[in-house]
C-alpha atoms as a PDB file:
ATOM      1  CA  MET A   1      39.048 110.464  40.654  1.00  0.00           C
ATOM      2  CA  PRO A   2      41.336 111.591  43.545  1.00  0.00           C
ATOM      3  CA  LEU A   3      44.001 114.203  42.930  1.00  0.00           C
ATOM      4  CA  THR A   4      47.578 113.044  43.032  1.00  0.00           C
ATOM      5  CA  LYS A   5      50.136 114.843  45.186  1.00  0.00           C
ATOM      6  CA  ARG A   6      52.907 115.830  42.804  1.00  0.00           C
ATOM      7  CA  THR A   7      55.945 117.860  43.629  1.00  0.00           C
ATOM      8  CA  LEU A   8      56.117 120.964  41.504  1.00  0.00           C
ATOM      9  CA  GLU A   9      58.856 121.159  38.931  1.00  0.00           C
ATOM     10  CA  TYR A  10      61.123 124.174  39.338  1.00  0.00           C
ATOM     11  CA  ARG A  11      64.290 125.859  38.156  1.00  0.00           C
ATOM     12  CA  GLN A  12      66.891 127.124  40.628  1.00  0.00           C
ATOM     13  CA  PHE A  13      69.438 129.892  40.145  1.00  0.00           C
ATOM     14  CA  GLY A  14      71.892 131.832  42.297  1.00  0.00           C
ATOM     15  CA  ALA A  15      73.471 130.513  45.490  1.00  0.00           C
ATOM     16  CA  GLU A  16      72.996 126.832  46.352  1.00  0.00           C
ATOM     17  CA  ASP A  17      71.733 127.439  49.900  1.00  0.00           C
ATOM     18  CA  GLY A  18      71.125 131.169  50.209  1.00  0.00           C
ATOM     19  CA  GLN A  19      68.102 133.091  51.382  1.00  0.00           C
ATOM     20  CA  LEU A  20      65.086 131.815  49.429  1.00  0.00           C
ATOM     21  CA  VAL A  21      63.470 134.025  46.786  1.00  0.00           C
ATOM     22  CA  VAL A  22      60.546 132.596  44.794  1.00  0.00           C
ATOM     23  CA  TYR A  23      59.862 134.151  41.390  1.00  0.00           C
ATOM     24  CA  PHE A  24      56.416 133.824  39.799  1.00  0.00           C
ATOM     25  CA  HIS A  25      56.637 134.302  36.031  1.00  0.00           C
ATOM     26  CA  GLY A  26      53.937 135.844  33.904  1.00  0.00           C
ATOM     27  CA  THR A  27      51.714 134.207  31.311  1.00  0.00           C
ATOM     28  CA  PRO A  28      53.112 133.671  28.791  1.00  0.00           C
ATOM     29  CA  GLY A  29      56.350 133.025  30.594  1.00  0.00           C
ATOM     30  CA  ALA A  30      58.486 130.245  31.960  1.00  0.00           C
ATOM     31  CA  PRO A  31      60.597 129.405  35.011  1.00  0.00           C
ATOM     32  CA  GLU A  32      63.748 129.798  32.892  1.00  0.00           C
ATOM     33  CA  GLU A  33      63.317 133.584  32.764  1.00  0.00           C
ATOM     34  CA  CYS A  34      64.482 133.616  36.387  1.00  0.00           C
ATOM     35  CA  ALA A  35      68.000 132.911  35.050  1.00  0.00           C
ATOM     36  CA  VAL A  36      68.564 136.674  34.850  1.00  0.00           C
ATOM     37  CA  PHE A  37      68.971 136.593  38.652  1.00  0.00           C
ATOM     38  CA  ASP A  38      71.660 133.887  38.687  1.00  0.00           C
ATOM     39  CA  ARG A  39      74.740 136.108  38.984  1.00  0.00           C
ATOM     40  CA  TYR A  40      73.067 138.500  41.426  1.00  0.00           C
ATOM     41  CA  GLY A  41      71.965 135.566  43.567  1.00  0.00           C
ATOM     42  CA  LYS A  42      75.476 134.145  43.723  1.00  0.00           C
ATOM     43  CA  GLU A  43      76.931 137.559  44.616  1.00  0.00           C
ATOM     44  CA  HIS A  44      74.401 138.177  47.406  1.00  0.00           C
ATOM     45  CA  ASN A  45      73.770 134.652  48.745  1.00  0.00           C
ATOM     46  CA  LEU A  46      70.241 134.401  47.375  1.00  0.00           C
ATOM     47  CA  THR A  47      68.646 131.237  46.022  1.00  0.00           C
ATOM     48  CA  PHE A  48      66.109 131.997  43.308  1.00  0.00           C
ATOM     49  CA  ILE A  49      63.462 129.368  42.607  1.00  0.00           C
ATOM     50  CA  SER A  50      60.846 129.590  39.903  1.00  0.00           C
ATOM     51  CA  TYR A  51      58.175 126.904  39.985  1.00  0.00           C
ATOM     52  CA  ASP A  52      56.527 125.605  36.858  1.00  0.00           C
ATOM     53  CA  ARG A  53      52.973 126.452  37.899  1.00  0.00           C
ATOM     54  CA  PHE A  54      51.660 124.373  35.037  1.00  0.00           C
ATOM     55  CA  SER A  55      53.142 121.195  36.514  1.00  0.00           C
ATOM     56  CA  VAL A  56      50.472 121.316  39.251  1.00  0.00           C
ATOM     57  CA  ASP A  57      47.804 118.632  39.094  1.00  0.00           C
ATOM     58  CA  PRO A  58      45.272 120.088  36.613  1.00  0.00           C
ATOM     59  CA  GLY A  59      42.416 119.126  38.931  1.00  0.00           C
ATOM     60  CA  LEU A  60      43.490 121.748  41.488  1.00  0.00           C
ATOM     61  CA  LYS A  61      41.507 124.953  41.019  1.00  0.00           C
ATOM     62  CA  GLY A  62      41.073 128.244  42.867  1.00  0.00           C
ATOM     63  CA  ALA A  63      41.999 128.264  46.548  1.00  0.00           C
ATOM     64  CA  ALA A  64      43.275 124.661  46.444  1.00  0.00           C
ATOM     65  CA  TYR A  65      45.681 125.589  43.636  1.00  0.00           C
ATOM     66  CA  TYR A  66      47.144 128.547  45.569  1.00  0.00           C
ATOM     67  CA  GLN A  67      47.330 126.536  48.784  1.00  0.00           C
ATOM     68  CA  HIS A  68      49.264 123.805  46.970  1.00  0.00           C
ATOM     69  CA  LEU A  69      51.803 126.373  45.755  1.00  0.00           C
ATOM     70  CA  ALA A  70      52.066 127.824  49.277  1.00  0.00           C
ATOM     71  CA  ASP A  71      52.597 124.356  50.783  1.00  0.00           C
ATOM     72  CA  GLU A  72      55.357 123.538  48.280  1.00  0.00           C
ATOM     73  CA  ILE A  73      57.121 126.820  49.031  1.00  0.00           C
ATOM     74  CA  SER A  74      56.784 126.328  52.787  1.00  0.00           C
ATOM     75  CA  ASP A  75      58.291 122.851  52.461  1.00  0.00           C
ATOM     76  CA  LYS A  76      61.192 124.246  50.434  1.00  0.00           C
ATOM     77  CA  ALA A  77      61.729 127.110  52.911  1.00  0.00           C
ATOM     78  CA  ALA A  78      61.896 124.650  55.842  1.00  0.00           C
ATOM     79  CA  GLY A  79      60.692 127.187  58.406  1.00  0.00           C
ATOM     80  CA  ASN A  80      62.753 130.100  57.091  1.00  0.00           C
ATOM     81  CA  ALA A  81      61.257 133.340  55.820  1.00  0.00           C
ATOM     82  CA  VAL A  82      60.809 133.554  52.061  1.00  0.00           C
ATOM     83  CA  ASN A  83      60.807 136.444  49.606  1.00  0.00           C
ATOM     84  CA  LEU A  84      58.295 136.468  46.753  1.00  0.00           C
ATOM     85  CA  ILE A  85      58.521 138.243  43.387  1.00  0.00           C
ATOM     86  CA  GLY A  86      55.590 138.292  40.999  1.00  0.00           C
ATOM     87  CA  PHE A  87      55.926 139.522  37.421  1.00  0.00           C
ATOM     88  CA  SER A  88      52.813 140.450  35.439  1.00  0.00           C
ATOM     89  CA  MET A  89      50.234 137.638  35.926  1.00  0.00           C
ATOM     90  CA  GLY A  90      52.697 136.156  38.406  1.00  0.00           C
ATOM     91  CA  GLY A  91      51.978 139.175  40.633  1.00  0.00           C
ATOM     92  CA  PHE A  92      48.413 138.001  41.189  1.00  0.00           C
ATOM     93  CA  ILE A  93      49.644 134.466  41.878  1.00  0.00           C
ATOM     94  CA  ALA A  94      52.240 135.836  44.349  1.00  0.00           C
ATOM     95  CA  LEU A  95      49.503 137.749  46.217  1.00  0.00           C
ATOM     96  CA  GLN A  96      47.313 134.661  46.488  1.00  0.00           C
ATOM     97  CA  VAL A  97      50.218 132.498  47.669  1.00  0.00           C
ATOM     98  CA  CYS A  98      51.441 135.163  50.111  1.00  0.00           C
ATOM     99  CA  ARG A  99      48.163 135.197  52.006  1.00  0.00           C
ATOM    100  CA  ARG A 100      48.253 131.400  52.324  1.00  0.00           C
ATOM    101  CA  ILE A 101      51.859 131.055  53.504  1.00  0.00           C
ATOM    102  CA  GLY A 102      51.081 133.068  56.606  1.00  0.00           C
ATOM    103  CA  GLY A 103      53.635 135.139  58.489  1.00  0.00           C
ATOM    104  CA  ASN A 104      56.632 133.519  56.846  1.00  0.00           C
ATOM    105  CA  VAL A 105      56.955 136.003  53.957  1.00  0.00           C
ATOM    106  CA  ARG A 106      59.777 138.489  54.443  1.00  0.00           C
ATOM    107  CA  ASN A 107      59.152 140.583  51.306  1.00  0.00           C
ATOM    108  CA  LEU A 108      56.640 140.628  48.472  1.00  0.00           C
ATOM    109  CA  HIS A 109      57.648 142.423  45.252  1.00  0.00           C
ATOM    110  CA  LEU A 110      55.141 142.975  42.455  1.00  0.00           C
ATOM    111  CA  VAL A 111      56.597 143.912  39.073  1.00  0.00           C
ATOM    112  CA  SER A 112      54.234 145.183  36.388  1.00  0.00           C
ATOM    113  CA  ALA A 113      51.406 143.281  38.079  1.00  0.00           C
ATOM    114  CA  ALA A 114      48.399 142.394  35.927  1.00  0.00           C
ATOM    115  CA  PRO A 115      45.015 143.516  37.276  1.00  0.00           C
ATOM    116  CA  HIS A 116      42.792 140.733  38.579  1.00  0.00           C
ATOM    117  CA  ARG A 117      40.105 141.357  35.947  1.00  0.00           C
ATOM    118  CA  TRP A 118      42.579 140.158  33.296  1.00  0.00           C
ATOM    119  CA  THR A 119      43.321 136.934  35.073  1.00  0.00           C
ATOM    120  CA  ARG A 120      41.304 133.777  34.722  1.00  0.00           C
ATOM    121  CA  GLU A 121      40.450 131.296  37.405  1.00  0.00           C
ATOM    122  CA  ILE A 122      43.159 128.658  37.511  1.00  0.00           C
END
């Protein structure tokens, strides 16, 4: 059965059209936790996006999964540099996505990143 191309669901906080910052939540976790950045984003012209990684087609695994996330972010960034933040398990996801986006990552911030051995193949 072929995989369907679905757009990832996401939550957006901060400035409407500021510099893009993508936040990868931990597991457990949810895109809504990115709301803590809303005021800061508005004050500093930053748009915070947190994708619901679990809205990805469940048939995508490993490298294809990370590439799909990278493609969605690249589409959203529209050629502009992007900043990535990964919290806990989201740190590993941010690293995998960062290497697939290419040279279009301005900053990568890892917060309390979980070691790879604790992560499972998605």
